[in-house]
Amino acid sequence: MNAETLEKQFKSSVCSDIELVKEGIDRFQIFTPFRFDDGDHYVTVLKKRGDRWIISDEGHTLMHLSYSMDVDNLFGSGNRSEIFHKALTEYSTSENDGELYIEISDDNSYGNALYSIIQAISKVYDVLYLSREVVKSTFMDDLKQEIHKLIPKNAKVTSKWHDSTDTNMNYVVDYKIEQKGKRPIFLFGLNGNQKIDDATITILWLEKKYDFFSIGIYEDQEKYSRKSVAKMTDACDRTFSSLPTNINKIRNVIAEQIDSSAKEISA
C-alpha cells in the first residue's frame, strides 16, 4: 500500500488533519493534531517490525508522563495501574519496555489502528487527571509503596493498626512502624479535611496510652482547611506538606527514630 493511500485511510478513520511523512526504509512519521496539555504532539510512527507493520508511540507517552509522576506505578497495583491496563485492553494496544504499539492485521486496518492508539494514548495520559475520590485512593497507594521503600529493613510495618481495646476501630493508624527497643512511629496519610481531623483525634487519644512518634504526610497541604491543618500541626510530632517533594526528609526522620537494617511487613 502506497503512502497516499495510507494517508487517505488515516484521514477517513481519524480526521482530515493528518500528514504521513516518509523518514527512511519502512518508516513513516504520522503527524496528527492531537497534543498533550503542554502543547507537545502525540508521537505516532508507522514502521515495520519483522514482517509486520506497527503503529508505535516509540515510548514517548510514558516518557511524557514521567515528567509528572512515577511511571513505575503503572506497572504495580492500585488505581493508576488499573486505568493504564484498562486503556491498553480497551484499545487493543500492546506495551513493551515503555513503548505503546498496535500491530496492523491487514491492509484495511491501518486507519483503525491509528484511531485506537490515539485513544489509548489519551486514556493513559488521563491518569494525571483522575476524579477527586480516585486521586485520594491513589495517594494512599503511592504512600504505601513509598513507605515500604523508605523504612529500615529491620523495622516491622503494620497497616491499619489500632489498639486492641478499640474494637470499633475508631482510632486507626495508617502505618505503625516499630523496631524492638524503640518507640513506634505512627504514620498517617492526610488526603482530606475529615482524614486530618480523624488523625488528630487518633493521636490525642493514643497519647494517653502509648509513647510514640507521630508523622503526618499530606497529599497537598495547601488544599485543606487551615483550622484542620493547625490542629494537626499542634498534635503531630512532624508533618510534611506533600509526599513527592519530601521523600528524603521523610526517610531521614524515620531513620532518626529507628535503626536501619531489615524489613518485615504485616498487613
C-alpha atoms as a PDB file:
ATOM      1  CA  MET A   1       0.000   0.000   0.000  1.00  0.00           C
ATOM      2  CA  ASN A   2       1.479   3.366  -1.007  1.00  0.00           C
ATOM      3  CA  ALA A   3       1.786   6.419   1.235  1.00  0.00           C
ATOM      4  CA  GLU A   4      -1.004   8.359  -0.470  1.00  0.00           C
ATOM      5  CA  THR A   5      -3.488   5.522   0.039  1.00  0.00           C
ATOM      6  CA  LEU A   6      -2.405   5.120   3.662  1.00  0.00           C
ATOM      7  CA  GLU A   7      -2.833   8.816   4.340  1.00  0.00           C
ATOM      8  CA  LYS A   8      -6.351   8.735   2.885  1.00  0.00           C
ATOM      9  CA  GLN A   9      -7.204   5.782   5.129  1.00  0.00           C
ATOM     10  CA  PHE A  10      -5.860   7.601   8.186  1.00  0.00           C
ATOM     11  CA  LYS A  11      -7.858  10.724   7.340  1.00  0.00           C
ATOM     12  CA  SER A  12     -11.005   8.700   6.783  1.00  0.00           C
ATOM     13  CA  SER A  13     -10.701   6.889  10.134  1.00  0.00           C
ATOM     14  CA  VAL A  14      -9.387   9.688  12.356  1.00  0.00           C
ATOM     15  CA  CYS A  15      -9.584  13.230  10.952  1.00  0.00           C
ATOM     16  CA  SER A  16      -8.612  15.215   7.873  1.00  0.00           C
ATOM     17  CA  ASP A  17      -5.689  17.000   9.548  1.00  0.00           C
ATOM     18  CA  ILE A  18      -3.178  14.163   9.204  1.00  0.00           C
ATOM     19  CA  GLU A  19       0.082  14.031   7.287  1.00  0.00           C
ATOM     20  CA  LEU A  20       2.219  10.970   6.559  1.00  0.00           C
ATOM     21  CA  VAL A  21       5.930  11.666   6.029  1.00  0.00           C
ATOM     22  CA  LYS A  22       8.446   9.026   4.945  1.00  0.00           C
ATOM     23  CA  GLU A  23      11.561   9.027   7.143  1.00  0.00           C
ATOM     24  CA  GLY A  24      13.512   6.082   5.799  1.00  0.00           C
ATOM     25  CA  ILE A  25      13.118   2.478   4.795  1.00  0.00           C
ATOM     26  CA  ASP A  26       9.802   1.111   6.063  1.00  0.00           C
ATOM     27  CA  ARG A  27       9.293   4.062   8.412  1.00  0.00           C
ATOM     28  CA  PHE A  28       6.761   6.916   8.335  1.00  0.00           C
ATOM     29  CA  GLN A  29       6.036   9.685  10.815  1.00  0.00           C
ATOM     30  CA  ILE A  30       2.294  10.252  11.271  1.00  0.00           C
ATOM     31  CA  PHE A  31       1.597  13.883  12.128  1.00  0.00           C
ATOM     32  CA  THR A  32      -1.762  14.428  13.857  1.00  0.00           C
ATOM     33  CA  PRO A  33      -3.348  17.454  15.577  1.00  0.00           C
ATOM     34  CA  PHE A  34      -3.507  15.694  18.946  1.00  0.00           C
ATOM     35  CA  ARG A  35      -1.440  17.199  21.758  1.00  0.00           C
ATOM     36  CA  PHE A  36      -0.644  16.836  25.431  1.00  0.00           C
ATOM     37  CA  ASP A  37      -1.572  19.702  27.751  1.00  0.00           C
ATOM     38  CA  ASP A  38       1.865  21.306  27.424  1.00  0.00           C
ATOM     39  CA  GLY A  39       1.500  21.548  23.641  1.00  0.00           C
ATOM     40  CA  ASP A  40       3.657  18.579  22.638  1.00  0.00           C
ATOM     41  CA  HIS A  41       2.137  16.446  19.894  1.00  0.00           C
ATOM     42  CA  TYR A  42       1.376  12.780  20.380  1.00  0.00           C
ATOM     43  CA  VAL A  43       4.091  10.721  18.708  1.00  0.00           C
ATOM     44  CA  THR A  44       2.794   8.142  16.226  1.00  0.00           C
ATOM     45  CA  VAL A  45       5.108   6.280  13.877  1.00  0.00           C
ATOM     46  CA  LEU A  46       4.253   3.664  11.260  1.00  0.00           C
ATOM     47  CA  LYS A  47       7.139   1.244  10.875  1.00  0.00           C
ATOM     48  CA  LYS A  48       7.927  -2.325  10.019  1.00  0.00           C
ATOM     49  CA  ARG A  49       8.994  -4.718  12.765  1.00  0.00           C
ATOM     50  CA  GLY A  50       9.978  -8.095  11.415  1.00  0.00           C
ATOM     51  CA  ASP A  51       7.376  -8.967   8.822  1.00  0.00           C
ATOM     52  CA  ARG A  52       4.601  -6.899  10.459  1.00  0.00           C
ATOM     53  CA  TRP A  53       3.702  -3.232  10.294  1.00  0.00           C
ATOM     54  CA  ILE A  54       3.009  -1.475  13.582  1.00  0.00           C
ATOM     55  CA  ILE A  55       1.957   1.974  14.732  1.00  0.00           C
ATOM     56  CA  SER A  56       4.052   2.981  17.742  1.00  0.00           C
ATOM     57  CA  ASP A  57       4.465   5.905  20.110  1.00  0.00           C
ATOM     58  CA  GLU A  58       8.146   4.863  20.498  1.00  0.00           C
ATOM     59  CA  GLY A  59       7.917   5.273  24.265  1.00  0.00           C
ATOM     60  CA  HIS A  60       7.034   8.954  24.100  1.00  0.00           C
ATOM     61  CA  THR A  61       3.773   8.772  26.083  1.00  0.00           C
ATOM     62  CA  LEU A  62       5.246   7.194  29.217  1.00  0.00           C
ATOM     63  CA  MET A  63       8.308   9.420  28.946  1.00  0.00           C
ATOM     64  CA  HIS A  64       5.952  12.405  28.901  1.00  0.00           C
ATOM     65  CA  LEU A  65       4.081  11.071  31.927  1.00  0.00           C
ATOM     66  CA  SER A  66       7.359  10.553  33.782  1.00  0.00           C
ATOM     67  CA  TYR A  67       7.803  14.326  33.990  1.00  0.00           C
ATOM     68  CA  SER A  68       4.804  14.481  36.339  1.00  0.00           C
ATOM     69  CA  MET A  69       4.623  11.083  38.052  1.00  0.00           C
ATOM     70  CA  ASP A  70       6.480   7.872  38.785  1.00  0.00           C
ATOM     71  CA  VAL A  71       5.512   5.693  35.806  1.00  0.00           C
ATOM     72  CA  ASP A  72       6.594   2.581  37.724  1.00  0.00           C
ATOM     73  CA  ASN A  73       3.220   2.936  39.488  1.00  0.00           C
ATOM     74  CA  LEU A  74       1.526   1.993  36.209  1.00  0.00           C
ATOM     75  CA  PHE A  75       3.018  -1.487  36.453  1.00  0.00           C
ATOM     76  CA  GLY A  76       2.226  -2.262  40.081  1.00  0.00           C
ATOM     77  CA  SER A  77      -1.132  -2.352  41.820  1.00  0.00           C
ATOM     78  CA  GLY A  78      -3.604   0.411  42.517  1.00  0.00           C
ATOM     79  CA  ASN A  79      -5.834   2.775  40.582  1.00  0.00           C
ATOM     80  CA  ARG A  80      -3.271   4.163  38.169  1.00  0.00           C
ATOM     81  CA  SER A  81      -2.233   0.673  37.133  1.00  0.00           C
ATOM     82  CA  GLU A  82      -5.864  -0.333  36.627  1.00  0.00           C
ATOM     83  CA  ILE A  83      -6.575   2.692  34.432  1.00  0.00           C
ATOM     84  CA  PHE A  84      -3.398   2.113  32.415  1.00  0.00           C
ATOM     85  CA  HIS A  85      -4.074  -1.548  31.679  1.00  0.00           C
ATOM     86  CA  LYS A  86      -7.762  -0.944  31.048  1.00  0.00           C
ATOM     87  CA  ALA A  87      -6.868   1.641  28.393  1.00  0.00           C
ATOM     88  CA  LEU A  88      -4.480  -0.768  26.670  1.00  0.00           C
ATOM     89  CA  THR A  89      -7.039  -3.572  26.681  1.00  0.00           C
ATOM     90  CA  GLU A  90      -9.922  -1.369  25.555  1.00  0.00           C
ATOM     91  CA  TYR A  91      -7.996  -0.121  22.521  1.00  0.00           C
ATOM     92  CA  SER A  92      -6.099  -3.337  21.694  1.00  0.00           C
ATOM     93  CA  THR A  93      -2.765  -1.687  22.398  1.00  0.00           C
ATOM     94  CA  SER A  94       0.368  -3.562  23.474  1.00  0.00           C
ATOM     95  CA  GLU A  95       3.163  -2.319  25.723  1.00  0.00           C
ATOM     96  CA  ASN A  96       6.794  -3.373  25.715  1.00  0.00           C
ATOM     97  CA  ASP A  97       9.535  -1.654  27.701  1.00  0.00           C
ATOM     98  CA  GLY A  98       7.533   1.585  27.794  1.00  0.00           C
ATOM     99  CA  GLU A  99       6.566   1.557  24.120  1.00  0.00           C
ATOM    100  CA  LEU A 100       2.871   1.538  23.192  1.00  0.00           C
ATOM    101  CA  TYR A 101       2.075  -0.014  19.833  1.00  0.00           C
ATOM    102  CA  ILE A 102      -0.552  -1.757  17.710  1.00  0.00           C
ATOM    103  CA  GLU A 103       0.179  -4.409  15.098  1.00  0.00           C
ATOM    104  CA  ILE A 104      -1.538  -3.998  11.739  1.00  0.00           C
ATOM    105  CA  SER A 105      -3.590  -7.087  10.960  1.00  0.00           C
ATOM    106  CA  ASP A 106      -4.436  -6.363   7.306  1.00  0.00           C
ATOM    107  CA  ASP A 107      -4.413  -3.618   4.664  1.00  0.00           C
ATOM    108  CA  ASN A 108      -7.802  -2.314   5.762  1.00  0.00           C
ATOM    109  CA  SER A 109      -6.918  -1.836   9.436  1.00  0.00           C
ATOM    110  CA  TYR A 110      -4.294   0.942   9.287  1.00  0.00           C
ATOM    111  CA  GLY A 111      -6.853   3.665   9.948  1.00  0.00           C
ATOM    112  CA  ASN A 112      -8.480   1.815  12.824  1.00  0.00           C
ATOM    113  CA  ALA A 113      -5.071   1.130  14.351  1.00  0.00           C
ATOM    114  CA  LEU A 114      -4.169   4.831  14.303  1.00  0.00           C
ATOM    115  CA  TYR A 115      -7.522   5.738  15.828  1.00  0.00           C
ATOM    116  CA  SER A 116      -7.066   3.122  18.575  1.00  0.00           C
ATOM    117  CA  ILE A 117      -3.549   4.117  19.581  1.00  0.00           C
ATOM    118  CA  ILE A 118      -4.522   7.795  19.724  1.00  0.00           C
ATOM    119  CA  GLN A 119      -7.405   6.881  22.029  1.00  0.00           C
ATOM    120  CA  ALA A 120      -5.106   4.679  24.127  1.00  0.00           C
ATOM    121  CA  ILE A 121      -2.538   7.479  24.487  1.00  0.00           C
ATOM    122  CA  SER A 122      -5.272   9.885  25.555  1.00  0.00           C
ATOM    123  CA  LYS A 123      -6.692   7.444  28.120  1.00  0.00           C
ATOM    124  CA  VAL A 124      -3.254   6.584  29.510  1.00  0.00           C
ATOM    125  CA  TYR A 125      -2.495  10.271  29.949  1.00  0.00           C
ATOM    126  CA  ASP A 126      -5.731  10.603  31.919  1.00  0.00           C
ATOM    127  CA  VAL A 127      -4.044   9.005  34.935  1.00  0.00           C
ATOM    128  CA  LEU A 128      -2.915  12.549  35.757  1.00  0.00           C
ATOM    129  CA  TYR A 129      -6.495  13.780  35.837  1.00  0.00           C
ATOM    130  CA  LEU A 130      -8.436  11.289  37.885  1.00  0.00           C
ATOM    131  CA  SER A 131     -11.590  12.222  39.754  1.00  0.00           C
ATOM    132  CA  ARG A 132     -11.089  13.632  43.233  1.00  0.00           C
ATOM    133  CA  GLU A 133     -12.129  10.451  45.005  1.00  0.00           C
ATOM    134  CA  VAL A 134      -9.884   8.261  42.863  1.00  0.00           C
ATOM    135  CA  VAL A 135      -6.990  10.638  43.437  1.00  0.00           C
ATOM    136  CA  LYS A 136      -7.464  10.200  47.175  1.00  0.00           C
ATOM    137  CA  SER A 137      -7.200   6.434  46.786  1.00  0.00           C
ATOM    138  CA  THR A 138      -4.191   6.824  44.507  1.00  0.00           C
ATOM    139  CA  PHE A 139      -2.413   8.993  47.062  1.00  0.00           C
ATOM    140  CA  MET A 140      -2.770   6.235  49.631  1.00  0.00           C
ATOM    141  CA  ASP A 141      -1.482   3.705  47.083  1.00  0.00           C
ATOM    142  CA  ASP A 142       1.518   5.933  46.418  1.00  0.00           C
ATOM    143  CA  LEU A 143       2.123   6.389  50.141  1.00  0.00           C
ATOM    144  CA  LYS A 144       2.044   2.629  50.717  1.00  0.00           C
ATOM    145  CA  GLN A 145       4.646   1.999  48.032  1.00  0.00           C
ATOM    146  CA  GLU A 146       6.938   4.756  49.272  1.00  0.00           C
ATOM    147  CA  ILE A 147       6.709   3.773  52.939  1.00  0.00           C
ATOM    148  CA  HIS A 148       7.793   0.232  52.158  1.00  0.00           C
ATOM    149  CA  LYS A 149      10.785   1.667  50.284  1.00  0.00           C
ATOM    150  CA  LEU A 150      11.737   4.144  52.992  1.00  0.00           C
ATOM    151  CA  ILE A 151      11.568   2.146  56.193  1.00  0.00           C
ATOM    152  CA  PRO A 152      14.629   0.458  57.679  1.00  0.00           C
ATOM    153  CA  LYS A 153      14.919  -3.225  56.841  1.00  0.00           C
ATOM    154  CA  ASN A 154      14.686  -4.428  60.407  1.00  0.00           C
ATOM    155  CA  ALA A 155      11.513  -2.490  61.111  1.00  0.00           C
ATOM    156  CA  LYS A 156       8.087  -4.092  61.255  1.00  0.00           C
ATOM    157  CA  VAL A 157       5.250  -2.295  59.492  1.00  0.00           C
ATOM    158  CA  THR A 158       1.589  -2.870  60.310  1.00  0.00           C
ATOM    159  CA  SER A 159      -1.053  -1.167  58.189  1.00  0.00           C
ATOM    160  CA  LYS A 160      -4.424  -0.109  59.610  1.00  0.00           C
ATOM    161  CA  TRP A 161      -3.216  -0.673  63.164  1.00  0.00           C
ATOM    162  CA  HIS A 162      -5.481   0.032  66.140  1.00  0.00           C
ATOM    163  CA  ASP A 163      -5.341  -0.547  69.878  1.00  0.00           C
ATOM    164  CA  SER A 164      -6.726  -3.936  70.928  1.00  0.00           C
ATOM    165  CA  THR A 165      -9.351  -2.258  73.124  1.00  0.00           C
ATOM    166  CA  ASP A 166     -10.584  -0.171  70.191  1.00  0.00           C
ATOM    167  CA  THR A 167     -12.827  -2.908  68.823  1.00  0.00           C
ATOM    168  CA  ASN A 168     -14.840  -0.497  66.669  1.00  0.00           C
ATOM    169  CA  MET A 169     -11.645   0.791  65.020  1.00  0.00           C
ATOM    170  CA  ASN A 170     -12.428   4.409  65.802  1.00  0.00           C
ATOM    171  CA  TYR A 171      -8.749   5.326  66.182  1.00  0.00           C
ATOM    172  CA  VAL A 172      -6.857   3.774  63.280  1.00  0.00           C
ATOM    173  CA  VAL A 173      -3.210   4.416  62.418  1.00  0.00           C
ATOM    174  CA  ASP A 174      -2.407   4.067  58.712  1.00  0.00           C
ATOM    175  CA  TYR A 175       1.066   2.627  59.424  1.00  0.00           C
ATOM    176  CA  LYS A 176       2.640   1.556  62.673  1.00  0.00           C
ATOM    177  CA  ILE A 177       6.406   1.266  62.208  1.00  0.00           C
ATOM    178  CA  GLU A 178       8.229  -0.433  65.042  1.00  0.00           C
ATOM    179  CA  GLN A 179      11.587  -1.863  65.976  1.00  0.00           C
ATOM    180  CA  LYS A 180      12.417  -3.790  69.130  1.00  0.00           C
ATOM    181  CA  GLY A 181      13.633  -1.495  71.869  1.00  0.00           C
ATOM    182  CA  LYS A 182      12.464   1.673  70.097  1.00  0.00           C
ATOM    183  CA  ARG A 183       9.283   3.667  70.479  1.00  0.00           C
ATOM    184  CA  PRO A 184       6.974   3.105  67.500  1.00  0.00           C
ATOM    185  CA  ILE A 185       6.212   5.547  64.728  1.00  0.00           C
ATOM    186  CA  PHE A 186       2.547   6.181  63.949  1.00  0.00           C
ATOM    187  CA  LEU A 187       2.272   7.461  60.393  1.00  0.00           C
ATOM    188  CA  PHE A 188      -0.832   8.993  58.807  1.00  0.00           C
ATOM    189  CA  GLY A 189      -1.697   9.777  55.188  1.00  0.00           C
ATOM    190  CA  LEU A 190      -3.636  13.050  55.093  1.00  0.00           C
ATOM    191  CA  ASN A 191      -5.789  13.450  51.981  1.00  0.00           C
ATOM    192  CA  GLY A 192      -8.863  15.340  53.149  1.00  0.00           C
ATOM    193  CA  ASN A 193     -10.143  17.578  55.945  1.00  0.00           C
ATOM    194  CA  GLN A 194     -12.043  14.713  57.563  1.00  0.00           C
ATOM    195  CA  LYS A 195      -8.956  12.481  57.435  1.00  0.00           C
ATOM    196  CA  ILE A 196      -6.857  15.241  59.004  1.00  0.00           C
ATOM    197  CA  ASP A 197      -9.373  15.708  61.826  1.00  0.00           C
ATOM    198  CA  ASP A 198      -9.621  11.945  62.396  1.00  0.00           C
ATOM    199  CA  ALA A 199      -5.820  11.611  62.535  1.00  0.00           C
ATOM    200  CA  THR A 200      -5.596  14.479  65.026  1.00  0.00           C
ATOM    201  CA  ILE A 201      -8.183  12.863  67.314  1.00  0.00           C
ATOM    202  CA  THR A 202      -6.437   9.485  66.970  1.00  0.00           C
ATOM    203  CA  ILE A 203      -3.077  10.945  68.004  1.00  0.00           C
ATOM    204  CA  LEU A 204      -4.586  12.684  71.035  1.00  0.00           C
ATOM    205  CA  TRP A 205      -6.416   9.510  72.102  1.00  0.00           C
ATOM    206  CA  LEU A 206      -3.364   7.264  71.694  1.00  0.00           C
ATOM    207  CA  GLU A 207      -1.129   9.683  73.616  1.00  0.00           C
ATOM    208  CA  LYS A 208      -2.979   8.658  76.753  1.00  0.00           C
ATOM    209  CA  LYS A 209      -1.853   5.046  76.309  1.00  0.00           C
ATOM    210  CA  TYR A 210       1.406   4.981  74.320  1.00  0.00           C
ATOM    211  CA  ASP A 211       4.757   6.660  73.912  1.00  0.00           C
ATOM    212  CA  PHE A 212       5.200   7.120  70.147  1.00  0.00           C
ATOM    213  CA  PHE A 213       6.457   9.467  67.437  1.00  0.00           C
ATOM    214  CA  SER A 214       3.789  10.665  65.006  1.00  0.00           C
ATOM    215  CA  ILE A 215       4.255  11.607  61.348  1.00  0.00           C
ATOM    216  CA  GLY A 216       1.607  13.128  59.091  1.00  0.00           C
ATOM    217  CA  ILE A 217       2.047  13.300  55.314  1.00  0.00           C
ATOM    218  CA  TYR A 218      -0.345  15.467  53.330  1.00  0.00           C
ATOM    219  CA  GLU A 219      -1.364  14.823  49.764  1.00  0.00           C
ATOM    220  CA  ASP A 220      -1.269  18.611  49.296  1.00  0.00           C
ATOM    221  CA  GLN A 221      -1.377  20.660  52.483  1.00  0.00           C
ATOM    222  CA  GLU A 222      -2.428  23.878  50.729  1.00  0.00           C
ATOM    223  CA  LYS A 223      -5.750  22.324  49.655  1.00  0.00           C
ATOM    224  CA  TYR A 224      -7.062  21.787  53.170  1.00  0.00           C
ATOM    225  CA  SER A 225      -8.717  23.809  55.921  1.00  0.00           C
ATOM    226  CA  ARG A 226      -6.237  25.965  57.833  1.00  0.00           C
ATOM    227  CA  LYS A 227      -8.075  25.134  61.041  1.00  0.00           C
ATOM    228  CA  SER A 228      -7.718  21.375  60.482  1.00  0.00           C
ATOM    229  CA  VAL A 229      -4.067  21.726  59.461  1.00  0.00           C
ATOM    230  CA  ALA A 230      -3.311  23.897  62.509  1.00  0.00           C
ATOM    231  CA  LYS A 231      -4.815  21.345  64.909  1.00  0.00           C
ATOM    232  CA  MET A 232      -2.876  18.547  63.243  1.00  0.00           C
ATOM    233  CA  THR A 233       0.353  20.549  63.464  1.00  0.00           C
ATOM    234  CA  ASP A 234      -0.153  21.022  67.204  1.00  0.00           C
ATOM    235  CA  ALA A 235      -0.881  17.323  67.792  1.00  0.00           C
ATOM    236  CA  CYS A 236       1.616  15.658  65.437  1.00  0.00           C
ATOM    237  CA  ASP A 237       5.364  15.428  66.050  1.00  0.00           C
ATOM    238  CA  ARG A 238       6.253  16.006  62.392  1.00  0.00           C
ATOM    239  CA  THR A 239       4.211  16.806  59.291  1.00  0.00           C
ATOM    240  CA  PHE A 240       5.127  17.072  55.616  1.00  0.00           C
ATOM    241  CA  SER A 241       3.242  19.227  53.120  1.00  0.00           C
ATOM    242  CA  SER A 242       3.314  16.586  50.365  1.00  0.00           C
ATOM    243  CA  LEU A 243       4.816  13.198  49.563  1.00  0.00           C
ATOM    244  CA  PRO A 244       6.849  13.502  46.320  1.00  0.00           C
ATOM    245  CA  THR A 245       8.891  16.572  47.305  1.00  0.00           C
ATOM    246  CA  ASN A 246       9.756  15.325  50.791  1.00  0.00           C
ATOM    247  CA  ILE A 247      10.904  11.739  50.260  1.00  0.00           C
ATOM    248  CA  ASN A 248      14.446  12.314  51.533  1.00  0.00           C
ATOM    249  CA  LYS A 249      13.269  14.317  54.543  1.00  0.00           C
ATOM    250  CA  ILE A 250      10.757  11.617  55.472  1.00  0.00           C
ATOM    251  CA  ARG A 251      13.463   8.964  55.143  1.00  0.00           C
ATOM    252  CA  ASN A 252      15.766  10.964  57.427  1.00  0.00           C
ATOM    253  CA  VAL A 253      13.102  11.487  60.087  1.00  0.00           C
ATOM    254  CA  ILE A 254      12.250   7.779  60.143  1.00  0.00           C
ATOM    255  CA  ALA A 255      15.953   6.896  60.300  1.00  0.00           C
ATOM    256  CA  GLU A 256      16.393   9.233  63.266  1.00  0.00           C
ATOM    257  CA  GLN A 257      13.706   7.351  65.165  1.00  0.00           C
ATOM    258  CA  ILE A 258      14.731   3.789  64.440  1.00  0.00           C
ATOM    259  CA  ASP A 259      17.719   1.797  63.212  1.00  0.00           C
ATOM    260  CA  SER A 260      18.157   0.773  59.585  1.00  0.00           C
ATOM    261  CA  SER A 261      18.683  -2.889  58.776  1.00  0.00           C
ATOM    262  CA  ALA A 262      15.753  -5.391  57.553  1.00  0.00           C
ATOM    263  CA  LYS A 263      12.118  -5.162  56.934  1.00  0.00           C
ATOM    264  CA  GLU A 264       9.132  -7.276  57.928  1.00  0.00           C
ATOM    265  CA  ILE A 265       5.700  -6.318  56.631  1.00  0.00           C
ATOM    266  CA  SER A 266       2.417  -7.454  58.108  1.00  0.00           C
ATOM    267  CA  ALA A 267      -0.998  -6.442  56.809  1.00  0.00           C
END
